[in-house]
Amino acid sequence: MPEKIGRYRIVRRIGSGAFATVWLGADDALDAQVAIKVLADNWSYHSDLRMRFEQEARIMRRADSVLLVRVLDVGELPDGRPYLVMPFVAGGTLADRLSAGPLPVREALRVAVDIGRAVAALHEAGVLHRDLKPSNVLFEPTAGRDRVLVADLGLAKALANASGFTIAAGTPGYMPPEQATPGGGLDTRADVYAIGATLYHMLTGRPPEPGWSGSARTRRPSQARPGLPSMVDELVTRALQPDPRQRWDSATAMVDELERVTAALERETSRTRALRWLRRTVGAGISIAAVLAATGASATLPARYGWVRVHDAGGDLSVAVPPGWAGELKDDGWNPSVLRLPAGHAPGLVAAPDLAVWPDPASAMPGVFVGASRALLAGSPTPALPSHPSCVEEPQRTVYVDGNLARVRRWTSCGSSVSFSEVVFAVPGRGFGVYVQVKQVGDADVTDEILASLRVSNRLAPQAGRYS
């Protein structure tokens, strides 16, 4: 293991592939971790591969998207091997997550939407990816939903030259039949196929059969996962058509369909939840239509006039939000490591009109995240709350939340009238702490109203193994 690469101190090897090795490095000057991709020694004198490696840096600089891994630096080792320096993404890869089995359907669709948006950004820059697969999809931990990043553009090629490919390159199972044939001619529909193949893997736990395997017809994901919604089955099947003319013409068109299907499933889930609440809580004496109209997506009871109360899957946390914020809900917990606290799984929820857009700090998308954890108790490691350097930090203040002193940090003027409130407080008598992030759009500040509505179940006690 090298001690240094350029000015970066090497910590350990992250992984290696056929053409390159990736190292975890430390940028001591900026107190940051980086990933350093070095071309393998046995390939460094192959001019075509060296050119492809260096081309990756230019593409990653040219394609402007928060869903693509950025290049921070480039350099060359004393032996002549080039290297790229990128941000270290701590959440692992999609391949890591799929090693435990298929993903929930809606989570798989949301990841596919982000992959599609990243690919669309590449296409807008005039570039095909050509090697989309789970190991090239990374996750950056955030307080709400982990952000998806598409990486490894080493096989990328300019669209203008795509029809002249003479080398078959890619990964079996994820590349279309035309990519397996030298000189077959590629366009944006090749990456559409790869998005579909990656979604198939997320839904079934394994990649589809290679597109050139000679199968009489495309294998539907529902054959490997019975009970899959028919609209999802049809979407994946269309993306995996051997004939590119039967796929979507662009990644953008496929993303539009992914979002339509996701929204339809969300509406079905919202209706099911409301019906369950109706049966459990009020019986048949209230109109179902009235309940659905009052609650909206992923909601339960109005907490105050015009507001909606949402809760996590275990019923441990609940909070009231303005009605427009309750469009989508993620209620299956969080990992306190996003605040540089000990890793684990703890109760948490996030509500926003669109959870695919909300994590982007620059988006004008309001929402609220609430998470509880033992690691947030006073005396534990100090949480590293998110900072918002493009905003104006207001003076800190303290409030009481259900009798507990809470510290409120607020940032305003973040662009498009966006503001953030970061709140953390301990509940010593019950053995945990709470972290709240409120993202707002407009001049009104409803942080105090949200904090006043926050409820934490008495079941949340420091039982061994219950939560982190």
Protein backbone atom coordinates (compact mmCIF):
# COMPACT_ATOMS: atom_id res chain seq x y z
CA MET A 1 0.00 0.00 0.00
CA PRO A 2 1.46 3.39 -0.95
CA GLU A 3 1.89 5.92 1.85
CA LYS A 4 0.86 8.86 -0.32
CA ILE A 5 -0.54 9.59 -3.75
CA GLY A 6 0.18 13.17 -4.66
CA ARG A 7 -0.60 15.24 -1.58
CA TYR A 8 -3.09 12.69 -0.25
CA ARG A 9 -2.27 10.30 2.60
CA ILE A 10 -3.45 6.77 1.86
CA VAL A 11 -5.67 5.12 4.49
CA ARG A 12 -6.66 1.83 2.87
CA ARG A 13 -7.70 0.22 -0.39
CA ILE A 14 -11.42 0.51 -1.17
CA GLY A 15 -11.50 -1.87 -4.11
CA SER A 16 -10.02 -2.81 -7.44
CA GLY A 17 -11.23 -3.81 -10.88
CA ALA A 18 -9.86 -4.92 -14.19
CA PHE A 19 -8.42 -1.53 -15.07
CA ALA A 20 -7.96 0.46 -11.85
CA THR A 21 -7.56 0.41 -8.08
CA VAL A 22 -9.42 2.81 -5.78
CA TRP A 23 -7.82 4.00 -2.52
CA LEU A 24 -9.29 5.83 0.44
CA GLY A 25 -7.17 8.94 0.98
CA ALA A 26 -7.02 11.72 3.51
CA ASP A 27 -6.75 15.36 2.44
CA ASP A 28 -5.12 16.62 5.64
CA ALA A 29 -5.05 20.23 4.41
CA LEU A 30 -8.85 20.33 4.08
CA ASP A 31 -9.67 17.67 6.71
CA ALA A 32 -11.59 15.58 4.18
CA GLN A 33 -11.65 12.02 2.90
CA VAL A 34 -11.25 11.36 -0.80
CA ALA A 35 -11.35 8.39 -3.17
CA ILE A 36 -8.34 8.07 -5.48
CA LYS A 37 -8.69 5.99 -8.63
CA VAL A 38 -5.35 4.83 -10.09
CA LEU A 39 -4.95 3.13 -13.46
CA ALA A 40 -3.57 -0.39 -13.03
CA ASP A 41 0.11 -0.80 -13.80
CA ASN A 42 -0.41 -3.48 -16.45
CA TRP A 43 -2.67 -1.15 -18.44
CA SER A 44 -0.77 2.12 -18.05
CA TYR A 45 1.09 1.68 -21.33
CA HIS A 46 -2.01 0.87 -23.38
CA SER A 47 -2.74 4.18 -25.04
CA ASP A 48 -6.43 3.43 -25.66
CA LEU A 49 -7.14 2.56 -22.01
CA ARG A 50 -5.07 5.45 -20.73
CA MET A 51 -7.03 7.77 -23.01
CA ARG A 52 -10.31 6.29 -21.72
CA PHE A 53 -9.18 6.80 -18.13
CA GLU A 54 -8.22 10.43 -18.74
CA GLN A 55 -11.43 10.97 -20.71
CA GLU A 56 -13.41 9.99 -17.61
CA ALA A 57 -12.04 13.04 -15.76
CA ARG A 58 -13.05 15.38 -18.57
CA ILE A 59 -16.55 13.89 -18.77
CA MET A 60 -17.10 14.12 -15.01
CA ARG A 61 -16.08 17.78 -15.11
CA ARG A 62 -18.28 18.52 -18.11
CA ALA A 63 -21.50 16.84 -16.96
CA ASP A 64 -23.06 19.12 -14.34
CA SER A 65 -25.28 17.16 -11.95
CA VAL A 66 -25.41 16.58 -8.19
CA LEU A 67 -26.18 12.94 -9.06
CA LEU A 68 -22.79 12.34 -10.70
CA VAL A 69 -19.52 11.85 -8.80
CA ARG A 70 -17.29 14.90 -9.29
CA VAL A 71 -13.56 15.00 -10.01
CA LEU A 72 -11.64 17.12 -7.49
CA ASP A 73 -8.12 16.65 -8.79
CA VAL A 74 -6.01 14.73 -11.31
CA GLY A 75 -2.38 13.73 -11.28
CA GLU A 76 0.26 11.26 -12.31
CA LEU A 77 2.37 8.91 -10.20
CA PRO A 78 6.16 8.88 -10.57
CA ASP A 79 5.84 5.71 -12.67
CA GLY A 80 3.56 7.54 -15.10
CA ARG A 81 0.20 6.08 -14.05
CA PRO A 82 -2.61 8.68 -14.02
CA TYR A 83 -5.02 9.04 -11.13
CA LEU A 84 -8.31 10.80 -10.41
CA VAL A 85 -9.34 12.24 -7.03
CA MET A 86 -13.05 12.22 -6.14
CA PRO A 87 -15.09 12.80 -2.97
CA PHE A 88 -15.28 9.71 -0.77
CA VAL A 89 -18.90 8.53 -0.68
CA ALA A 90 -19.43 6.76 2.65
CA GLY A 91 -22.75 5.00 2.03
CA GLY A 92 -21.40 2.13 -0.06
CA THR A 93 -22.72 0.90 -3.39
CA LEU A 94 -26.02 -0.42 -4.65
CA ALA A 95 -24.27 -3.76 -5.15
CA ASP A 96 -23.49 -3.82 -1.40
CA ARG A 97 -27.16 -3.28 -0.56
CA LEU A 98 -28.35 -5.89 -3.03
CA SER A 99 -26.12 -8.52 -1.43
CA ALA A 100 -28.82 -8.70 1.27
CA GLY A 101 -31.57 -9.30 -1.31
CA PRO A 102 -34.11 -7.27 -3.33
CA LEU A 103 -35.20 -3.77 -2.33
CA PRO A 104 -38.74 -2.67 -1.49
CA VAL A 105 -40.54 -1.74 -4.70
CA ARG A 106 -40.91 1.99 -4.05
CA GLU A 107 -37.31 2.31 -2.87
CA ALA A 108 -36.10 0.55 -6.03
CA LEU A 109 -38.17 2.92 -8.18
CA ARG A 110 -36.83 6.00 -6.40
CA VAL A 111 -33.23 4.85 -6.86
CA ALA A 112 -33.98 4.17 -10.54
CA VAL A 113 -35.36 7.71 -10.91
CA ASP A 114 -32.11 9.18 -9.56
CA ILE A 115 -30.02 6.92 -11.80
CA GLY A 116 -32.14 7.99 -14.76
CA ARG A 117 -31.70 11.67 -13.93
CA ALA A 118 -27.93 11.23 -13.69
CA VAL A 119 -27.86 9.45 -17.05
CA ALA A 120 -30.04 12.15 -18.60
CA ALA A 121 -27.48 14.74 -17.46
CA LEU A 122 -24.76 12.73 -19.19
CA HIS A 123 -26.82 12.53 -22.37
CA GLU A 124 -27.38 16.28 -22.28
CA ALA A 125 -23.58 16.63 -22.13
CA GLY A 126 -23.35 14.43 -25.23
CA VAL A 127 -22.10 11.29 -23.47
CA LEU A 128 -23.24 7.66 -23.12
CA HIS A 129 -22.34 5.88 -19.88
CA ARG A 130 -22.21 2.34 -21.36
CA ASP A 131 -21.47 0.60 -18.02
CA LEU A 132 -24.38 1.24 -15.67
CA LYS A 133 -24.62 -1.46 -12.99
CA PRO A 134 -25.15 -1.67 -9.21
CA SER A 135 -21.44 -1.39 -8.35
CA ASN A 136 -21.33 1.97 -10.17
CA VAL A 137 -24.21 3.43 -8.12
CA LEU A 138 -23.09 4.98 -4.81
CA PHE A 139 -24.98 6.32 -1.80
CA GLU A 140 -24.09 9.47 0.12
CA PRO A 141 -25.65 9.40 3.62
CA THR A 142 -27.98 12.31 4.42
CA ALA A 143 -30.37 12.95 7.30
CA GLY A 144 -33.34 11.95 5.19
CA ARG A 145 -33.01 9.73 2.14
CA ASP A 146 -29.48 8.78 1.06
CA ARG A 147 -28.43 10.62 -2.09
CA VAL A 148 -27.67 8.53 -5.18
CA LEU A 149 -24.50 9.17 -7.15
CA VAL A 150 -23.55 7.54 -10.45
CA ALA A 151 -19.84 6.83 -10.86
CA ASP A 152 -17.26 5.09 -13.05
CA LEU A 153 -17.53 6.66 -16.47
CA GLY A 154 -14.47 4.80 -17.78
CA LEU A 155 -16.44 3.29 -20.66
CA ALA A 156 -18.29 6.50 -21.49
CA LYS A 157 -18.17 7.67 -25.07
CA ALA A 158 -19.31 10.74 -26.95
CA LEU A 159 -22.74 10.27 -28.55
CA ALA A 160 -21.46 11.72 -31.80
CA ASN A 161 -19.09 8.75 -32.15
CA ALA A 162 -21.37 6.10 -30.68
CA SER A 163 -22.40 4.57 -34.00
CA GLY A 164 -18.75 3.92 -34.81
CA PHE A 165 -17.91 1.67 -31.84
CA THR A 166 -15.64 -1.20 -32.85
CA ILE A 167 -15.04 -2.77 -29.40
CA ALA A 168 -17.73 -4.57 -27.39
CA ALA A 169 -17.39 -3.31 -23.84
CA GLY A 170 -19.63 -3.34 -20.80
CA THR A 171 -20.95 -5.79 -18.21
CA PRO A 172 -23.04 -8.85 -19.19
CA GLY A 173 -26.56 -8.66 -17.84
CA TYR A 174 -26.66 -4.86 -17.92
CA MET A 175 -25.75 -4.05 -21.53
CA PRO A 176 -28.14 -4.43 -24.47
CA PRO A 177 -27.67 -6.82 -27.40
CA GLU A 178 -26.44 -4.06 -29.70
CA GLN A 179 -23.61 -3.25 -27.28
CA ALA A 180 -22.38 -6.86 -27.33
CA THR A 181 -21.85 -6.69 -31.09
CA PRO A 182 -18.75 -4.82 -32.30
CA GLY A 183 -19.87 -2.00 -34.56
CA GLY A 184 -23.49 -2.55 -33.54
CA GLY A 185 -24.17 1.16 -33.16
CA LEU A 186 -25.31 2.71 -29.87
CA ASP A 187 -27.44 5.62 -28.78
CA THR A 188 -29.21 6.77 -25.61
CA ARG A 189 -31.43 3.66 -25.68
CA ALA A 190 -28.42 1.55 -24.68
CA ASP A 191 -28.31 3.32 -21.31
CA VAL A 192 -32.11 3.02 -21.04
CA TYR A 193 -31.64 -0.76 -21.23
CA ALA A 194 -28.99 -0.60 -18.47
CA ILE A 195 -31.31 1.42 -16.20
CA GLY A 196 -33.97 -1.23 -16.73
CA ALA A 197 -31.50 -4.05 -16.01
CA THR A 198 -30.35 -2.36 -12.81
CA LEU A 199 -33.99 -1.88 -11.73
CA TYR A 200 -34.66 -5.56 -12.52
CA HIS A 201 -31.77 -6.48 -10.18
CA MET A 202 -33.13 -4.18 -7.44
CA LEU A 203 -36.56 -5.80 -7.68
CA THR A 204 -35.54 -9.45 -7.98
CA GLY A 205 -32.14 -9.68 -6.30
CA ARG A 206 -30.30 -10.74 -9.45
CA PRO A 207 -29.52 -9.27 -12.87
CA PRO A 208 -31.53 -10.29 -15.92
CA GLU A 209 -30.23 -12.79 -18.45
CA PRO A 210 -27.84 -11.12 -20.92
CA GLY A 211 -29.75 -9.50 -23.75
CA TRP A 212 -27.93 -11.58 -26.36
CA SER A 213 -28.47 -14.95 -24.59
CA GLY A 214 -30.94 -16.13 -27.20
CA SER A 215 -34.03 -16.10 -24.97
CA ALA A 216 -37.25 -16.12 -26.98
CA ARG A 217 -38.64 -13.20 -24.98
CA THR A 218 -37.61 -10.79 -22.27
CA ARG A 219 -37.96 -12.31 -18.79
CA ARG A 220 -40.41 -10.29 -16.73
CA PRO A 221 -39.35 -9.38 -13.15
CA SER A 222 -42.70 -10.72 -11.87
CA GLN A 223 -41.54 -14.21 -12.85
CA ALA A 224 -38.79 -13.91 -10.24
CA ARG A 225 -40.87 -11.82 -7.81
CA PRO A 226 -44.54 -12.84 -7.89
CA GLY A 227 -46.96 -10.16 -6.81
CA LEU A 228 -44.99 -7.30 -8.32
CA PRO A 229 -47.39 -4.51 -9.41
CA SER A 230 -48.26 -4.94 -13.08
CA MET A 231 -47.33 -1.35 -13.93
CA VAL A 232 -43.80 -1.95 -12.58
CA ASP A 233 -43.59 -5.25 -14.49
CA GLU A 234 -44.53 -3.52 -17.75
CA LEU A 235 -42.08 -0.67 -17.19
CA VAL A 236 -39.06 -2.94 -16.66
CA THR A 237 -40.05 -5.23 -19.52
CA ARG A 238 -40.21 -2.33 -21.95
CA ALA A 239 -36.78 -1.06 -20.91
CA LEU A 240 -35.28 -4.53 -21.50
CA GLN A 241 -36.63 -5.07 -25.01
CA PRO A 242 -33.90 -6.52 -27.27
CA ASP A 243 -35.01 -4.21 -30.08
CA PRO A 244 -34.00 -0.66 -29.06
CA ARG A 245 -36.94 0.76 -31.05
CA GLN A 246 -39.31 -0.75 -28.48
CA ARG A 247 -37.61 1.01 -25.53
CA TRP A 248 -37.95 4.67 -24.52
CA ASP A 249 -36.01 7.00 -26.78
CA SER A 250 -34.26 8.73 -23.89
CA ALA A 251 -33.44 8.47 -20.19
CA THR A 252 -35.63 11.52 -19.61
CA ALA A 253 -38.67 9.78 -21.10
CA MET A 254 -38.02 6.72 -18.93
CA VAL A 255 -37.69 8.91 -15.81
CA ASP A 256 -41.07 10.46 -16.61
CA GLU A 257 -42.63 6.98 -16.66
CA LEU A 258 -40.80 5.94 -13.47
CA GLU A 259 -42.16 9.01 -11.69
CA ARG A 260 -45.70 8.34 -12.98
CA VAL A 261 -45.60 4.74 -11.72
CA THR A 262 -44.08 5.79 -8.38
CA ALA A 263 -46.80 8.39 -7.86
CA ALA A 264 -49.52 5.85 -8.69
CA LEU A 265 -48.10 3.39 -6.14
CA GLU A 266 -47.85 6.17 -3.54
CA ARG A 267 -51.53 6.99 -4.06
CA GLU A 268 -52.46 3.33 -3.62
CA THR A 269 -50.37 3.11 -0.43
CA SER A 270 -51.89 6.32 0.93
CA ARG A 271 -55.39 5.01 0.36
CA THR A 272 -54.54 1.67 2.02
CA ARG A 273 -53.11 3.42 5.09
CA ALA A 274 -56.12 5.66 5.41
CA LEU A 275 -58.48 2.70 5.17
CA ARG A 276 -56.52 0.83 7.84
CA TRP A 277 -56.64 3.87 10.14
CA LEU A 278 -60.37 4.19 9.50
CA ARG A 279 -61.05 0.56 10.43
CA ARG A 280 -58.76 0.65 13.46
CA THR A 281 -59.73 4.03 14.88
CA VAL A 282 -63.21 5.16 13.93
CA GLY A 283 -65.01 2.19 12.40
CA ALA A 284 -67.50 2.64 9.61
CA GLY A 285 -69.26 5.75 10.95
CA ILE A 286 -67.17 8.28 8.93
CA SER A 287 -67.07 8.63 5.17
CA ILE A 288 -63.96 7.05 3.67
CA ALA A 289 -63.86 9.78 1.01
CA ALA A 290 -63.87 12.45 3.72
CA VAL A 291 -60.98 10.79 5.55
CA LEU A 292 -58.91 10.49 2.39
CA ALA A 293 -59.57 14.12 1.48
CA ALA A 294 -58.59 15.28 4.96
CA THR A 295 -55.45 13.24 5.35
CA GLY A 296 -53.71 13.17 1.97
CA ALA A 297 -50.70 10.99 1.15
CA SER A 298 -48.99 9.13 4.00
CA ALA A 299 -50.98 11.04 6.63
CA THR A 300 -53.14 10.23 9.64
CA LEU A 301 -55.06 12.88 11.64
CA PRO A 302 -54.96 16.67 11.29
CA ALA A 303 -52.85 17.99 14.18
CA ARG A 304 -54.31 21.48 13.94
CA TYR A 305 -56.47 23.33 11.41
CA GLY A 306 -55.09 22.65 7.96
CA TRP A 307 -52.06 20.71 9.23
CA VAL A 308 -51.40 16.96 8.93
CA ARG A 309 -49.82 14.59 11.45
CA VAL A 310 -47.40 11.98 10.10
CA HIS A 311 -45.69 9.16 11.97
CA ASP A 312 -42.98 6.57 11.48
CA ALA A 313 -43.63 2.91 10.75
CA GLY A 314 -43.22 1.84 14.37
CA GLY A 315 -45.39 4.62 15.76
CA ASP A 316 -42.47 5.89 17.85
CA LEU A 317 -42.28 9.39 16.33
CA SER A 318 -44.94 11.74 15.00
CA VAL A 319 -45.02 15.37 13.96
CA ALA A 320 -47.50 17.77 12.39
CA VAL A 321 -46.62 19.48 9.11
CA PRO A 322 -48.32 21.91 6.74
CA PRO A 323 -50.61 19.95 4.39
CA GLY A 324 -48.51 20.59 1.30
CA TRP A 325 -45.54 18.89 2.95
CA ALA A 326 -47.25 15.53 3.42
CA GLY A 327 -47.02 14.37 -0.20
CA GLU A 328 -44.53 11.57 0.49
CA LEU A 329 -43.26 9.88 3.63
CA LYS A 330 -40.22 7.74 4.42
CA ASP A 331 -40.83 6.19 7.80
CA ASP A 332 -38.38 3.29 8.22
CA GLY A 333 -35.68 4.98 10.32
CA TRP A 334 -32.27 6.61 9.89
CA ASN A 335 -28.56 6.08 10.51
CA PRO A 336 -27.06 8.50 13.09
CA SER A 337 -23.69 8.23 11.30
CA VAL A 338 -24.87 11.09 9.04
CA LEU A 339 -24.16 13.34 12.05
CA ARG A 340 -20.79 11.62 12.64
CA LEU A 341 -22.27 9.63 15.50
CA PRO A 342 -21.92 5.85 15.99
CA ALA A 343 -23.56 4.00 13.12
CA GLY A 344 -26.78 2.06 13.62
CA HIS A 345 -30.48 2.02 12.85
CA ALA A 346 -32.80 4.29 14.84
CA PRO A 347 -36.40 5.53 14.56
CA GLY A 348 -36.80 8.31 12.03
CA LEU A 349 -39.08 9.79 9.41
CA VAL A 350 -38.98 12.38 6.66
CA ALA A 351 -41.97 14.05 4.99
CA ALA A 352 -41.87 16.22 1.88
CA PRO A 353 -43.91 16.82 -1.28
CA ASP A 354 -41.34 14.87 -3.35
CA LEU A 355 -38.68 12.81 -1.56
CA ALA A 356 -36.65 12.43 -4.74
CA VAL A 357 -36.14 16.21 -4.93
CA TRP A 358 -36.08 17.18 -1.24
CA PRO A 359 -32.48 16.04 -0.44
CA ASP A 360 -31.06 18.53 -2.97
CA PRO A 361 -30.24 21.62 -0.83
CA ALA A 362 -30.79 23.90 -3.81
CA SER A 363 -34.30 22.66 -4.55
CA ALA A 364 -37.31 24.73 -3.53
CA MET A 365 -38.83 21.72 -1.82
CA PRO A 366 -39.94 22.04 1.85
CA GLY A 367 -40.00 19.17 4.29
CA VAL A 368 -39.07 17.93 7.75
CA PHE A 369 -36.87 15.15 9.11
CA VAL A 370 -37.11 13.79 12.66
CA GLY A 371 -34.82 11.14 14.12
CA ALA A 372 -34.28 9.78 17.64
CA SER A 373 -31.10 8.11 18.92
CA ARG A 374 -29.30 7.22 22.14
CA ALA A 375 -26.19 8.69 20.51
CA LEU A 376 -27.77 12.17 20.78
CA LEU A 377 -27.70 12.17 24.59
CA ALA A 378 -25.59 14.80 26.33
CA GLY A 379 -22.17 13.35 27.06
CA SER A 380 -22.14 11.34 23.83
CA PRO A 381 -20.02 12.48 20.85
CA THR A 382 -21.10 15.93 19.71
CA PRO A 383 -23.27 15.61 16.59
CA ALA A 384 -21.93 17.30 13.46
CA LEU A 385 -25.04 19.13 12.31
CA PRO A 386 -25.23 19.96 8.60
CA SER A 387 -23.91 23.39 7.68
CA HIS A 388 -25.22 25.48 4.82
CA PRO A 389 -22.30 27.61 3.59
CA SER A 390 -24.27 29.28 0.79
CA CYS A 391 -26.80 30.66 3.31
CA VAL A 392 -26.80 33.33 6.02
CA GLU A 393 -26.52 31.85 9.53
CA GLU A 394 -28.87 33.51 12.00
CA PRO A 395 -28.07 33.83 15.75
CA GLN A 396 -28.61 30.57 17.62
CA ARG A 397 -31.49 30.38 20.04
CA THR A 398 -32.96 27.92 22.52
CA VAL A 399 -36.51 26.71 22.96
CA TYR A 400 -38.20 24.10 25.11
CA VAL A 401 -39.63 21.00 23.43
CA ASP A 402 -41.91 19.11 25.81
CA GLY A 403 -39.87 20.44 28.73
CA ASN A 404 -36.46 19.68 27.17
CA LEU A 405 -34.03 22.46 26.22
CA ALA A 406 -33.39 22.46 22.46
CA ARG A 407 -30.78 24.38 20.50
CA VAL A 408 -32.01 25.86 17.19
CA ARG A 409 -29.60 26.87 14.44
CA ARG A 410 -31.18 28.57 11.42
CA TRP A 411 -29.89 29.49 7.97
CA THR A 412 -31.74 31.85 5.62
CA SER A 413 -31.27 33.39 2.15
CA CYS A 414 -30.25 30.04 0.67
CA GLY A 415 -31.59 30.87 -2.79
CA SER A 416 -35.20 30.59 -4.02
CA SER A 417 -36.33 31.72 -0.53
CA VAL A 418 -35.06 28.45 1.00
CA SER A 419 -34.14 28.28 4.70
CA PHE A 420 -33.02 25.52 7.05
CA SER A 421 -33.51 24.96 10.78
CA GLU A 422 -31.26 22.40 12.49
CA VAL A 423 -32.44 21.35 15.96
CA VAL A 424 -31.05 18.86 18.47
CA PHE A 425 -32.04 18.15 22.06
CA ALA A 426 -31.66 15.44 24.70
CA VAL A 427 -34.39 13.68 26.66
CA PRO A 428 -32.20 12.49 29.57
CA GLY A 429 -34.97 10.91 31.61
CA ARG A 430 -35.83 8.58 28.75
CA GLY A 431 -32.35 7.81 27.49
CA PHE A 432 -32.29 9.30 24.00
CA GLY A 433 -32.03 12.53 22.02
CA VAL A 434 -33.82 13.93 18.98
CA TYR A 435 -32.57 15.60 15.79
CA VAL A 436 -34.90 17.70 13.62
CA GLN A 437 -34.20 19.35 10.27
CA VAL A 438 -36.82 21.73 8.84
CA LYS A 439 -36.43 22.92 5.25
CA GLN A 440 -38.76 25.78 4.34
CA VAL A 441 -39.57 27.92 1.31
CA GLY A 442 -40.80 31.48 1.80
CA ASP A 443 -40.52 34.07 4.54
CA ALA A 444 -42.67 32.37 7.19
CA ASP A 445 -40.84 30.29 9.82
CA VAL A 446 -42.90 27.39 11.24
CA THR A 447 -40.04 25.73 13.14
CA ASP A 448 -41.57 26.41 16.56
CA GLU A 449 -44.98 25.08 15.51
CA ILE A 450 -43.39 21.88 14.20
CA LEU A 451 -41.35 21.41 17.38
CA ALA A 452 -44.44 22.00 19.52
CA SER A 453 -46.27 19.25 17.63
CA LEU A 454 -43.46 16.69 17.98
CA ARG A 455 -44.45 13.55 19.89
CA VAL A 456 -42.18 10.69 20.97
CA SER A 457 -43.75 7.44 22.16
CA ASN A 458 -43.20 6.23 25.73
CA ARG A 459 -42.14 2.95 24.15
CA LEU A 460 -38.85 4.59 23.19
CA ALA A 461 -36.72 3.48 26.12
CA PRO A 462 -33.04 2.49 26.12
CA GLN A 463 -33.72 -1.22 25.76
CA ALA A 464 -30.81 -3.25 24.50
CA GLY A 465 -31.07 -3.75 20.76
CA ARG A 466 -34.20 -1.57 20.38
CA TYR A 467 -32.47 1.28 18.61
CA SER A 468 -29.14 3.08 18.27
